[in-house]
């Protein structure tokens, strides 16, 4: 079975309303539906901007992990929001059990296994 690739969305078509821009919008929706993410090619972003951003994120997470392992208080760690914002310390992420929710659904709404 061949693995499906995540499509690259051409933002320029949308920005300039060039032919095919509506198809790019559909590709965004389908990409989120199938993969949970989308990748975009945006002419307003340079390779340097992209590299700078990646470096900034790498530095941030490196700094956070050093502080975490040094035992420092993590101000951007938000357990009160179930770690949905900020950083999540290693070993804390666990899938939530949705058995009760699924059991409460009408039979026609239960996902097929």
PDB file of N, CA and C in Angstrom:
ATOM      1  N   UNK A   1       0.836  -1.177   0.000  1.00  0.00           N
ATOM      2  CA  UNK A   1       0.000   0.000   0.000  1.00  0.00           C
ATOM      3  C   UNK A   1       0.886   1.247   0.000  1.00  0.00           C
ATOM      4  N   UNK A   2       0.636   2.140  -0.935  1.00  0.00           N
ATOM      5  CA  UNK A   2       1.438   3.350  -1.060  1.00  0.00           C
ATOM      6  C   UNK A   2       0.997   4.384  -0.039  1.00  0.00           C
ATOM      7  N   UNK A   3       1.971   5.021   0.595  1.00  0.00           N
ATOM      8  CA  UNK A   3       1.685   6.034   1.606  1.00  0.00           C
ATOM      9  C   UNK A   3       1.315   7.349   0.930  1.00  0.00           C
ATOM     10  N   UNK A   4       0.231   7.958   1.387  1.00  0.00           N
ATOM     11  CA  UNK A   4      -0.212   9.229   0.827  1.00  0.00           C
ATOM     12  C   UNK A   4       0.614  10.369   1.424  1.00  0.00           C
ATOM     13  N   UNK A   5       1.053  11.287   0.583  1.00  0.00           N
ATOM     14  CA  UNK A   5       1.865  12.413   1.024  1.00  0.00           C
ATOM     15  C   UNK A   5       0.997  13.595   1.431  1.00  0.00           C
ATOM     16  N   UNK A   6       1.465  14.363   2.384  1.00  0.00           N
ATOM     17  CA  UNK A   6       0.789  15.591   2.783  1.00  0.00           C
ATOM     18  C   UNK A   6       0.984  16.609   1.659  1.00  0.00           C
ATOM     19  N   UNK A   7      -0.104  17.185   1.145  1.00  0.00           N
ATOM     20  CA  UNK A   7       0.048  18.131   0.035  1.00  0.00           C
ATOM     21  C   UNK A   7       0.671  19.450   0.491  1.00  0.00           C
ATOM     22  N   UNK A   8       1.339  20.124  -0.428  1.00  0.00           N
ATOM     23  CA  UNK A   8       1.885  21.450  -0.167  1.00  0.00           C
ATOM     24  C   UNK A   8       0.907  22.458  -0.772  1.00  0.00           C
ATOM     25  N   UNK A   9       0.407  23.359   0.071  1.00  0.00           N
ATOM     26  CA  UNK A   9      -0.577  24.344  -0.347  1.00  0.00           C
ATOM     27  C   UNK A   9       0.148  25.561  -0.901  1.00  0.00           C
ATOM     28  N   UNK A  10      -0.237  26.012  -2.101  1.00  0.00           N
ATOM     29  CA  UNK A  10       0.362  27.192  -2.715  1.00  0.00           C
ATOM     30  C   UNK A  10      -0.449  28.424  -2.310  1.00  0.00           C
ATOM     31  N   UNK A  11       0.032  29.137  -1.295  1.00  0.00           N
ATOM     32  CA  UNK A  11      -0.682  30.295  -0.755  1.00  0.00           C
ATOM     33  C   UNK A  11      -0.772  31.420  -1.781  1.00  0.00           C
ATOM     34  N   UNK A  12       0.201  31.506  -2.671  1.00  0.00           N
ATOM     35  CA  UNK A  12       0.192  32.577  -3.680  1.00  0.00           C
ATOM     36  C   UNK A  12      -1.071  32.525  -4.538  1.00  0.00           C
ATOM     37  N   UNK A  13      -1.516  31.324  -4.886  1.00  0.00           N
ATOM     38  CA  UNK A  13      -2.741  31.209  -5.682  1.00  0.00           C
ATOM     39  C   UNK A  13      -3.915  31.849  -4.951  1.00  0.00           C
ATOM     40  N   UNK A  14      -3.984  31.624  -3.645  1.00  0.00           N
ATOM     41  CA  UNK A  14      -5.071  32.189  -2.851  1.00  0.00           C
ATOM     42  C   UNK A  14      -4.915  33.703  -2.727  1.00  0.00           C
ATOM     43  N   UNK A  15      -3.706  34.161  -2.404  1.00  0.00           N
ATOM     44  CA  UNK A  15      -3.476  35.592  -2.195  1.00  0.00           C
ATOM     45  C   UNK A  15      -3.816  36.420  -3.427  1.00  0.00           C
ATOM     46  N   UNK A  16      -3.453  35.908  -4.594  1.00  0.00           N
ATOM     47  CA  UNK A  16      -3.659  36.647  -5.847  1.00  0.00           C
ATOM     48  C   UNK A  16      -4.928  36.212  -6.583  1.00  0.00           C
ATOM     49  N   UNK A  17      -5.674  35.302  -5.967  1.00  0.00           N
ATOM     50  CA  UNK A  17      -6.905  34.759  -6.567  1.00  0.00           C
ATOM     51  C   UNK A  17      -6.643  34.271  -8.002  1.00  0.00           C
ATOM     52  N   UNK A  18      -5.488  33.605  -8.158  1.00  0.00           N
ATOM     53  CA  UNK A  18      -5.158  32.996  -9.452  1.00  0.00           C
ATOM     54  C   UNK A  18      -6.000  31.748  -9.640  1.00  0.00           C
ATOM     55  N   UNK A  19      -6.086  31.299 -10.879  1.00  0.00           N
ATOM     56  CA  UNK A  19      -6.860  30.093 -11.179  1.00  0.00           C
ATOM     57  C   UNK A  19      -6.370  28.944 -10.306  1.00  0.00           C
ATOM     58  N   UNK A  20      -7.315  28.237  -9.701  1.00  0.00           N
ATOM     59  CA  UNK A  20      -6.990  27.106  -8.851  1.00  0.00           C
ATOM     60  C   UNK A  20      -6.966  27.443  -7.367  1.00  0.00           C
ATOM     61  N   UNK A  21      -7.215  28.710  -7.016  1.00  0.00           N
ATOM     62  CA  UNK A  21      -7.142  29.096  -5.599  1.00  0.00           C
ATOM     63  C   UNK A  21      -8.171  28.366  -4.758  1.00  0.00           C
ATOM     64  N   UNK A  22      -9.334  28.104  -5.328  1.00  0.00           N
ATOM     65  CA  UNK A  22     -10.361  27.391  -4.571  1.00  0.00           C
ATOM     66  C   UNK A  22      -9.943  25.946  -4.295  1.00  0.00           C
ATOM     67  N   UNK A  23      -9.243  25.356  -5.261  1.00  0.00           N
ATOM     68  CA  UNK A  23      -8.733  23.997  -5.056  1.00  0.00           C
ATOM     69  C   UNK A  23      -7.720  23.951  -3.913  1.00  0.00           C
ATOM     70  N   UNK A  24      -6.920  25.017  -3.779  1.00  0.00           N
ATOM     71  CA  UNK A  24      -5.955  25.076  -2.683  1.00  0.00           C
ATOM     72  C   UNK A  24      -6.682  25.120  -1.340  1.00  0.00           C
ATOM     73  N   UNK A  25      -7.799  25.843  -1.286  1.00  0.00           N
ATOM     74  CA  UNK A  25      -8.595  25.887  -0.045  1.00  0.00           C
ATOM     75  C   UNK A  25      -9.122  24.493   0.299  1.00  0.00           C
ATOM     76  N   UNK A  26      -9.570  23.765  -0.704  1.00  0.00           N
ATOM     77  CA  UNK A  26     -10.064  22.404  -0.478  1.00  0.00           C
ATOM     78  C   UNK A  26      -8.924  21.498  -0.008  1.00  0.00           C
ATOM     79  N   UNK A  27      -7.723  21.709  -0.561  1.00  0.00           N
ATOM     80  CA  UNK A  27      -6.576  20.914  -0.136  1.00  0.00           C
ATOM     81  C   UNK A  27      -6.245  21.158   1.336  1.00  0.00           C
ATOM     82  N   UNK A  28      -6.422  22.407   1.803  1.00  0.00           N
ATOM     83  CA  UNK A  28      -6.182  22.709   3.221  1.00  0.00           C
ATOM     84  C   UNK A  28      -7.141  21.901   4.088  1.00  0.00           C
ATOM     85  N   UNK A  29      -8.437  21.972   3.751  1.00  0.00           N
ATOM     86  CA  UNK A  29      -9.445  21.256   4.541  1.00  0.00           C
ATOM     87  C   UNK A  29      -9.184  19.752   4.526  1.00  0.00           C
ATOM     88  N   UNK A  30      -8.898  19.204   3.359  1.00  0.00           N
ATOM     89  CA  UNK A  30      -8.634  17.768   3.252  1.00  0.00           C
ATOM     90  C   UNK A  30      -7.368  17.361   4.009  1.00  0.00           C
ATOM     91  N   UNK A  31      -6.361  18.221   3.961  1.00  0.00           N
ATOM     92  CA  UNK A  31      -5.115  17.911   4.664  1.00  0.00           C
ATOM     93  C   UNK A  31      -5.345  17.863   6.169  1.00  0.00           C
ATOM     94  N   UNK A  32      -6.096  18.832   6.697  1.00  0.00           N
ATOM     95  CA  UNK A  32      -6.404  18.800   8.131  1.00  0.00           C
ATOM     96  C   UNK A  32      -7.247  17.578   8.473  1.00  0.00           C
ATOM     97  N   UNK A  33      -8.176  17.233   7.596  1.00  0.00           N
ATOM     98  CA  UNK A  33      -9.038  16.084   7.862  1.00  0.00           C
ATOM     99  C   UNK A  33      -8.240  14.779   7.871  1.00  0.00           C
ATOM    100  N   UNK A  34      -7.378  14.602   6.869  1.00  0.00           N
ATOM    101  CA  UNK A  34      -6.639  13.337   6.734  1.00  0.00           C
ATOM    102  C   UNK A  34      -5.416  13.244   7.631  1.00  0.00           C
ATOM    103  N   UNK A  35      -4.692  14.372   7.794  1.00  0.00           N
ATOM    104  CA  UNK A  35      -3.387  14.319   8.459  1.00  0.00           C
ATOM    105  C   UNK A  35      -3.322  15.120   9.757  1.00  0.00           C
ATOM    106  N   UNK A  36      -4.257  16.061   9.953  1.00  0.00           N
ATOM    107  CA  UNK A  36      -4.229  16.899  11.145  1.00  0.00           C
ATOM    108  C   UNK A  36      -3.281  18.080  11.032  1.00  0.00           C
ATOM    109  N   UNK A  37      -2.642  18.245   9.876  1.00  0.00           N
ATOM    110  CA  UNK A  37      -1.720  19.358   9.631  1.00  0.00           C
ATOM    111  C   UNK A  37      -1.823  19.757   8.167  1.00  0.00           C
ATOM    112  N   UNK A  38      -1.230  20.878   7.840  1.00  0.00           N
ATOM    113  CA  UNK A  38      -1.053  21.217   6.426  1.00  0.00           C
ATOM    114  C   UNK A  38       0.304  21.894   6.267  1.00  0.00           C
ATOM    115  N   UNK A  39       0.868  21.769   5.090  1.00  0.00           N
ATOM    116  CA  UNK A  39       2.123  22.441   4.777  1.00  0.00           C
ATOM    117  C   UNK A  39       1.831  23.474   3.708  1.00  0.00           C
ATOM    118  N   UNK A  40       2.469  24.633   3.849  1.00  0.00           N
ATOM    119  CA  UNK A  40       2.181  25.735   2.932  1.00  0.00           C
ATOM    120  C   UNK A  40       3.451  26.307   2.350  1.00  0.00           C
ATOM    121  N   UNK A  41       3.351  26.726   1.106  1.00  0.00           N
ATOM    122  CA  UNK A  41       4.412  27.469   0.442  1.00  0.00           C
ATOM    123  C   UNK A  41       3.885  28.889   0.288  1.00  0.00           C
ATOM    124  N   UNK A  42       4.496  29.810   1.047  1.00  0.00           N
ATOM    125  CA  UNK A  42       4.035  31.194   1.085  1.00  0.00           C
ATOM    126  C   UNK A  42       5.143  32.088   0.528  1.00  0.00           C
ATOM    127  N   UNK A  43       4.880  32.805  -0.575  1.00  0.00           N
ATOM    128  CA  UNK A  43       5.932  33.623  -1.184  1.00  0.00           C
ATOM    129  C   UNK A  43       6.391  34.784  -0.293  1.00  0.00           C
ATOM    130  N   UNK A  44       5.641  35.099   0.744  1.00  0.00           N
ATOM    131  CA  UNK A  44       6.018  36.201   1.638  1.00  0.00           C
ATOM    132  C   UNK A  44       7.064  35.775   2.662  1.00  0.00           C
ATOM    133  N   UNK A  45       7.315  34.465   2.781  1.00  0.00           N
ATOM    134  CA  UNK A  45       8.265  33.940   3.768  1.00  0.00           C
ATOM    135  C   UNK A  45       9.522  33.490   3.040  1.00  0.00           C
ATOM    136  N   UNK A  46      10.659  34.040   3.473  1.00  0.00           N
ATOM    137  CA  UNK A  46      11.929  33.664   2.842  1.00  0.00           C
ATOM    138  C   UNK A  46      12.502  32.432   3.542  1.00  0.00           C
ATOM    139  N   UNK A  47      13.482  31.793   2.905  1.00  0.00           N
ATOM    140  CA  UNK A  47      14.157  30.659   3.539  1.00  0.00           C
ATOM    141  C   UNK A  47      14.840  31.110   4.825  1.00  0.00           C
ATOM    142  N   UNK A  48      15.385  32.336   4.840  1.00  0.00           N
ATOM    143  CA  UNK A  48      16.028  32.851   6.047  1.00  0.00           C
ATOM    144  C   UNK A  48      15.005  33.000   7.168  1.00  0.00           C
ATOM    145  N   UNK A  49      13.816  33.526   6.858  1.00  0.00           N
ATOM    146  CA  UNK A  49      12.756  33.633   7.870  1.00  0.00           C
ATOM    147  C   UNK A  49      12.441  32.255   8.446  1.00  0.00           C
ATOM    148  N   UNK A  50      12.330  31.291   7.567  1.00  0.00           N
ATOM    149  CA  UNK A  50      12.009  29.932   7.990  1.00  0.00           C
ATOM    150  C   UNK A  50      13.118  29.360   8.878  1.00  0.00           C
ATOM    151  N   UNK A  51      14.368  29.522   8.464  1.00  0.00           N
ATOM    152  CA  UNK A  51      15.500  29.031   9.252  1.00  0.00           C
ATOM    153  C   UNK A  51      15.573  29.736  10.606  1.00  0.00           C
ATOM    154  N   UNK A  52      15.339  31.057  10.601  1.00  0.00           N
ATOM    155  CA  UNK A  52      15.357  31.817  11.856  1.00  0.00           C
ATOM    156  C   UNK A  52      14.274  31.304  12.805  1.00  0.00           C
ATOM    157  N   UNK A  53      13.100  31.032  12.283  1.00  0.00           N
ATOM    158  CA  UNK A  53      11.993  30.546  13.110  1.00  0.00           C
ATOM    159  C   UNK A  53      12.323  29.169  13.702  1.00  0.00           C
ATOM    160  N   UNK A  54      12.815  28.274  12.867  1.00  0.00           N
ATOM    161  CA  UNK A  54      13.166  26.935  13.340  1.00  0.00           C
ATOM    162  C   UNK A  54      14.247  27.026  14.424  1.00  0.00           C
ATOM    163  N   UNK A  55      15.246  27.879  14.214  1.00  0.00           N
ATOM    164  CA  UNK A  55      16.305  28.052  15.213  1.00  0.00           C
ATOM    165  C   UNK A  55      15.731  28.588  16.521  1.00  0.00           C
ATOM    166  N   UNK A  56      14.808  29.549  16.431  1.00  0.00           N
ATOM    167  CA  UNK A  56      14.196  30.116  17.630  1.00  0.00           C
ATOM    168  C   UNK A  56      13.439  29.045  18.417  1.00  0.00           C
ATOM    169  N   UNK A  57      12.670  28.203  17.718  1.00  0.00           N
ATOM    170  CA  UNK A  57      11.906  27.144  18.386  1.00  0.00           C
ATOM    171  C   UNK A  57      12.850  26.125  19.021  1.00  0.00           C
ATOM    172  N   UNK A  58      13.908  25.748  18.307  1.00  0.00           N
ATOM    173  CA  UNK A  58      14.882  24.804  18.863  1.00  0.00           C
ATOM    174  C   UNK A  58      15.535  25.367  20.119  1.00  0.00           C
ATOM    175  N   UNK A  59      15.905  26.643  20.089  1.00  0.00           N
ATOM    176  CA  UNK A  59      16.519  27.275  21.260  1.00  0.00           C
ATOM    177  C   UNK A  59      15.544  27.316  22.430  1.00  0.00           C
ATOM    178  N   UNK A  60      14.300  27.624  22.156  1.00  0.00           N
ATOM    179  CA  UNK A  60      13.285  27.688  23.210  1.00  0.00           C
ATOM    180  C   UNK A  60      13.158  26.335  23.901  1.00  0.00           C
ATOM    181  N   UNK A  61      12.966  25.271  23.132  1.00  0.00           N
ATOM    182  CA  UNK A  61      12.763  23.959  23.742  1.00  0.00           C
ATOM    183  C   UNK A  61      14.034  23.445  24.417  1.00  0.00           C
ATOM    184  N   UNK A  62      15.181  23.794  23.898  1.00  0.00           N
ATOM    185  CA  UNK A  62      16.434  23.422  24.556  1.00  0.00           C
ATOM    186  C   UNK A  62      16.530  24.118  25.910  1.00  0.00           C
ATOM    187  N   UNK A  63      16.196  25.395  25.942  1.00  0.00           N
ATOM    188  CA  UNK A  63      16.221  26.168  27.183  1.00  0.00           C
ATOM    189  C   UNK A  63      15.221  25.617  28.194  1.00  0.00           C
ATOM    190  N   UNK A  64      14.018  25.311  27.738  1.00  0.00           N
ATOM    191  CA  UNK A  64      12.972  24.779  28.624  1.00  0.00           C
ATOM    192  C   UNK A  64      13.418  23.446  29.220  1.00  0.00           C
ATOM    193  N   UNK A  65      13.975  22.565  28.399  1.00  0.00           N
ATOM    194  CA  UNK A  65      14.364  21.251  28.926  1.00  0.00           C
ATOM    195  C   UNK A  65      15.505  21.378  29.930  1.00  0.00           C
ATOM    196  N   UNK A  66      16.449  22.280  29.688  1.00  0.00           N
ATOM    197  CA  UNK A  66      17.536  22.483  30.649  1.00  0.00           C
ATOM    198  C   UNK A  66      16.995  22.981  31.977  1.00  0.00           C
ATOM    199  N   UNK A  67      16.059  23.924  31.935  1.00  0.00           N
ATOM    200  CA  UNK A  67      15.475  24.456  33.174  1.00  0.00           C
ATOM    201  C   UNK A  67      14.656  23.377  33.887  1.00  0.00           C
ATOM    202  N   UNK A  68      13.912  22.586  33.123  1.00  0.00           N
ATOM    203  CA  UNK A  68      13.092  21.525  33.711  1.00  0.00           C
ATOM    204  C   UNK A  68      13.973  20.514  34.451  1.00  0.00           C
ATOM    205  N   UNK A  69      15.035  20.050  33.798  1.00  0.00           N
ATOM    206  CA  UNK A  69      15.898  19.047  34.411  1.00  0.00           C
ATOM    207  C   UNK A  69      16.754  19.623  35.535  1.00  0.00           C
ATOM    208  N   UNK A  70      16.874  20.951  35.583  1.00  0.00           N
ATOM    209  CA  UNK A  70      17.585  21.598  36.692  1.00  0.00           C
ATOM    210  C   UNK A  70      16.664  21.811  37.886  1.00  0.00           C
ATOM    211  N   UNK A  71      15.382  21.450  37.734  1.00  0.00           N
ATOM    212  CA  UNK A  71      14.431  21.557  38.829  1.00  0.00           C
ATOM    213  C   UNK A  71      13.801  22.933  38.991  1.00  0.00           C
ATOM    214  N   UNK A  72      13.985  23.807  38.009  1.00  0.00           N
ATOM    215  CA  UNK A  72      13.415  25.146  38.092  1.00  0.00           C
ATOM    216  C   UNK A  72      11.900  25.112  37.889  1.00  0.00           C
ATOM    217  N   UNK A  73      11.238  26.118  38.439  1.00  0.00           N
ATOM    218  CA  UNK A  73       9.795  26.259  38.224  1.00  0.00           C
ATOM    219  C   UNK A  73       9.560  26.610  36.756  1.00  0.00           C
ATOM    220  N   UNK A  74       8.577  25.975  36.171  1.00  0.00           N
ATOM    221  CA  UNK A  74       8.279  26.198  34.760  1.00  0.00           C
ATOM    222  C   UNK A  74       7.073  27.128  34.644  1.00  0.00           C
ATOM    223  N   UNK A  75       7.314  28.428  34.453  1.00  0.00           N
ATOM    224  CA  UNK A  75       6.224  29.401  34.389  1.00  0.00           C
ATOM    225  C   UNK A  75       5.328  29.197  33.171  1.00  0.00           C
ATOM    226  N   UNK A  76       5.887  28.620  32.106  1.00  0.00           N
ATOM    227  CA  UNK A  76       5.069  28.390  30.909  1.00  0.00           C
ATOM    228  C   UNK A  76       4.512  26.964  30.871  1.00  0.00           C
ATOM    229  N   UNK A  77       4.526  26.292  31.998  1.00  0.00           N
ATOM    230  CA  UNK A  77       3.938  24.964  32.152  1.00  0.00           C
ATOM    231  C   UNK A  77       2.582  25.159  32.830  1.00  0.00           C
ATOM    232  N   UNK A  78       1.500  24.787  32.174  1.00  0.00           N
ATOM    233  CA  UNK A  78       0.159  25.131  32.645  1.00  0.00           C
ATOM    234  C   UNK A  78      -0.701  23.897  32.916  1.00  0.00           C
ATOM    235  N   UNK A  79      -0.455  23.203  34.043  1.00  0.00           N
ATOM    236  CA  UNK A  79      -1.273  22.036  34.352  1.00  0.00           C
ATOM    237  C   UNK A  79      -2.746  22.397  34.558  1.00  0.00           C
ATOM    238  N   UNK A  80      -3.011  23.638  34.995  1.00  0.00           N
ATOM    239  CA  UNK A  80      -4.406  24.054  35.215  1.00  0.00           C
ATOM    240  C   UNK A  80      -5.206  24.102  33.907  1.00  0.00           C
ATOM    241  N   UNK A  81      -4.502  24.137  32.777  1.00  0.00           N
ATOM    242  CA  UNK A  81      -5.153  24.084  31.463  1.00  0.00           C
ATOM    243  C   UNK A  81      -4.894  22.741  30.791  1.00  0.00           C
ATOM    244  N   UNK A  82      -4.542  21.748  31.585  1.00  0.00           N
ATOM    245  CA  UNK A  82      -4.271  20.388  31.108  1.00  0.00           C
ATOM    246  C   UNK A  82      -3.171  20.370  30.045  1.00  0.00           C
ATOM    247  N   UNK A  83      -2.210  21.291  30.186  1.00  0.00           N
ATOM    248  CA  UNK A  83      -1.045  21.387  29.296  1.00  0.00           C
ATOM    249  C   UNK A  83      -1.435  21.645  27.850  1.00  0.00           C
ATOM    250  N   UNK A  84      -2.606  22.239  27.615  1.00  0.00           N
ATOM    251  CA  UNK A  84      -3.025  22.546  26.248  1.00  0.00           C
ATOM    252  C   UNK A  84      -2.347  23.812  25.738  1.00  0.00           C
ATOM    253  N   UNK A  85      -1.683  24.538  26.619  1.00  0.00           N
ATOM    254  CA  UNK A  85      -0.913  25.714  26.245  1.00  0.00           C
ATOM    255  C   UNK A  85       0.396  25.660  27.024  1.00  0.00           C
ATOM    256  N   UNK A  86       1.439  26.206  26.468  1.00  0.00           N
ATOM    257  CA  UNK A  86       2.738  26.149  27.137  1.00  0.00           C
ATOM    258  C   UNK A  86       3.418  24.814  26.915  1.00  0.00           C
ATOM    259  N   UNK A  87       4.332  24.495  27.816  1.00  0.00           N
ATOM    260  CA  UNK A  87       5.116  23.264  27.664  1.00  0.00           C
ATOM    261  C   UNK A  87       4.513  22.142  28.492  1.00  0.00           C
ATOM    262  N   UNK A  88       4.797  20.928  28.087  1.00  0.00           N
ATOM    263  CA  UNK A  88       4.376  19.742  28.823  1.00  0.00           C
ATOM    264  C   UNK A  88       5.632  18.968  29.211  1.00  0.00           C
ATOM    265  N   UNK A  89       5.881  18.805  30.518  1.00  0.00           N
ATOM    266  CA  UNK A  89       7.049  18.025  30.932  1.00  0.00           C
ATOM    267  C   UNK A  89       6.976  16.588  30.397  1.00  0.00           C
ATOM    268  N   UNK A  90       8.137  16.002  30.198  1.00  0.00           N
ATOM    269  CA  UNK A  90       8.198  14.628  29.689  1.00  0.00           C
ATOM    270  C   UNK A  90       7.456  13.674  30.613  1.00  0.00           C
ATOM    271  N   UNK A  91       6.814  12.686  30.013  1.00  0.00           N
ATOM    272  CA  UNK A  91       6.159  11.641  30.775  1.00  0.00           C
ATOM    273  C   UNK A  91       4.770  11.989  31.287  1.00  0.00           C
ATOM    274  N   UNK A  92       4.284  13.198  31.013  1.00  0.00           N
ATOM    275  CA  UNK A  92       2.962  13.596  31.498  1.00  0.00           C
ATOM    276  C   UNK A  92       1.851  13.409  30.474  1.00  0.00           C
ATOM    277  N   UNK A  93       2.192  13.422  29.208  1.00  0.00           N
ATOM    278  CA  UNK A  93       1.146  13.294  28.195  1.00  0.00           C
ATOM    279  C   UNK A  93       0.588  11.884  28.195  1.00  0.00           C
ATOM    280  N   UNK A  94      -0.687  11.792  28.380  1.00  0.00           N
ATOM    281  CA  UNK A  94      -1.389  10.516  28.367  1.00  0.00           C
ATOM    282  C   UNK A  94      -2.686  10.712  27.607  1.00  0.00           C
ATOM    283  N   UNK A  95      -3.050   9.725  26.844  1.00  0.00           N
ATOM    284  CA  UNK A  95      -4.320   9.794  26.127  1.00  0.00           C
ATOM    285  C   UNK A  95      -5.458   9.747  27.135  1.00  0.00           C
ATOM    286  N   UNK A  96      -6.474  10.549  26.898  1.00  0.00           N
ATOM    287  CA  UNK A  96      -7.641  10.524  27.778  1.00  0.00           C
ATOM    288  C   UNK A  96      -8.532   9.351  27.400  1.00  0.00           C
ATOM    289  N   UNK A  97      -9.191   8.793  28.381  1.00  0.00           N
ATOM    290  CA  UNK A  97     -10.108   7.683  28.142  1.00  0.00           C
ATOM    291  C   UNK A  97     -11.482   8.250  27.774  1.00  0.00           C
ATOM    292  N   UNK A  98     -11.967   7.901  26.608  1.00  0.00           N
ATOM    293  CA  UNK A  98     -13.266   8.387  26.141  1.00  0.00           C
ATOM    294  C   UNK A  98     -14.309   7.276  26.102  1.00  0.00           C
ATOM    295  N   UNK A  99     -14.070   6.201  26.861  1.00  0.00           N
ATOM    296  CA  UNK A  99     -14.970   5.052  26.842  1.00  0.00           C
ATOM    297  C   UNK A  99     -16.390   5.443  27.237  1.00  0.00           C
ATOM    298  N   UNK A 100     -16.547   6.234  28.309  1.00  0.00           N
ATOM    299  CA  UNK A 100     -17.885   6.629  28.747  1.00  0.00           C
ATOM    300  C   UNK A 100     -18.599   7.439  27.678  1.00  0.00           C
ATOM    301  N   UNK A 101     -17.866   8.341  27.021  1.00  0.00           N
ATOM    302  CA  UNK A 101     -18.468   9.142  25.955  1.00  0.00           C
ATOM    303  C   UNK A 101     -18.930   8.244  24.807  1.00  0.00           C
ATOM    304  N   UNK A 102     -18.075   7.341  24.379  1.00  0.00           N
ATOM    305  CA  UNK A 102     -18.434   6.441  23.277  1.00  0.00           C
ATOM    306  C   UNK A 102     -19.610   5.556  23.676  1.00  0.00           C
ATOM    307  N   UNK A 103     -19.603   5.059  24.894  1.00  0.00           N
ATOM    308  CA  UNK A 103     -20.714   4.216  25.363  1.00  0.00           C
ATOM    309  C   UNK A 103     -22.032   4.982  25.397  1.00  0.00           C
ATOM    310  N   UNK A 104     -21.969   6.317  25.573  1.00  0.00           N
ATOM    311  CA  UNK A 104     -23.196   7.116  25.660  1.00  0.00           C
ATOM    312  C   UNK A 104     -23.754   7.511  24.284  1.00  0.00           C
ATOM    313  N   UNK A 105     -22.983   7.294  23.225  1.00  0.00           N
ATOM    314  CA  UNK A 105     -23.437   7.684  21.890  1.00  0.00           C
ATOM    315  C   UNK A 105     -24.502   6.744  21.369  1.00  0.00           C
ATOM    316  N   UNK A 106     -25.464   7.300  20.594  1.00  0.00           N
ATOM    317  CA  UNK A 106     -26.432   6.406  19.929  1.00  0.00           C
ATOM    318  C   UNK A 106     -25.670   5.481  18.972  1.00  0.00           C
ATOM    319  N   UNK A 107     -26.182   4.300  18.771  1.00  0.00           N
ATOM    320  CA  UNK A 107     -25.484   3.289  17.960  1.00  0.00           C
ATOM    321  C   UNK A 107     -25.087   3.811  16.591  1.00  0.00           C
ATOM    322  N   UNK A 108     -25.926   4.634  15.944  1.00  0.00           N
ATOM    323  CA  UNK A 108     -25.613   5.128  14.606  1.00  0.00           C
ATOM    324  C   UNK A 108     -24.443   6.114  14.603  1.00  0.00           C
ATOM    325  N   UNK A 109     -24.066   6.669  15.772  1.00  0.00           N
ATOM    326  CA  UNK A 109     -22.977   7.607  15.855  1.00  0.00           C
ATOM    327  C   UNK A 109     -21.661   6.991  16.311  1.00  0.00           C
ATOM    328  N   UNK A 110     -21.674   5.715  16.672  1.00  0.00           N
ATOM    329  CA  UNK A 110     -20.465   5.049  17.146  1.00  0.00           C
ATOM    330  C   UNK A 110     -19.558   4.766  15.946  1.00  0.00           C
ATOM    331  N   UNK A 111     -18.266   5.190  16.040  1.00  0.00           N
ATOM    332  CA  UNK A 111     -17.355   4.926  14.936  1.00  0.00           C
ATOM    333  C   UNK A 111     -17.169   3.436  14.699  1.00  0.00           C
ATOM    334  N   UNK A 112     -16.997   3.079  13.441  1.00  0.00           N
ATOM    335  CA  UNK A 112     -16.747   1.673  13.097  1.00  0.00           C
ATOM    336  C   UNK A 112     -15.314   1.318  13.451  1.00  0.00           C
ATOM    337  N   UNK A 113     -15.112   0.106  13.919  1.00  0.00           N
ATOM    338  CA  UNK A 113     -13.762  -0.349  14.269  1.00  0.00           C
ATOM    339  C   UNK A 113     -13.052  -0.883  13.062  1.00  0.00           C
TER     340      UNK A 113
END
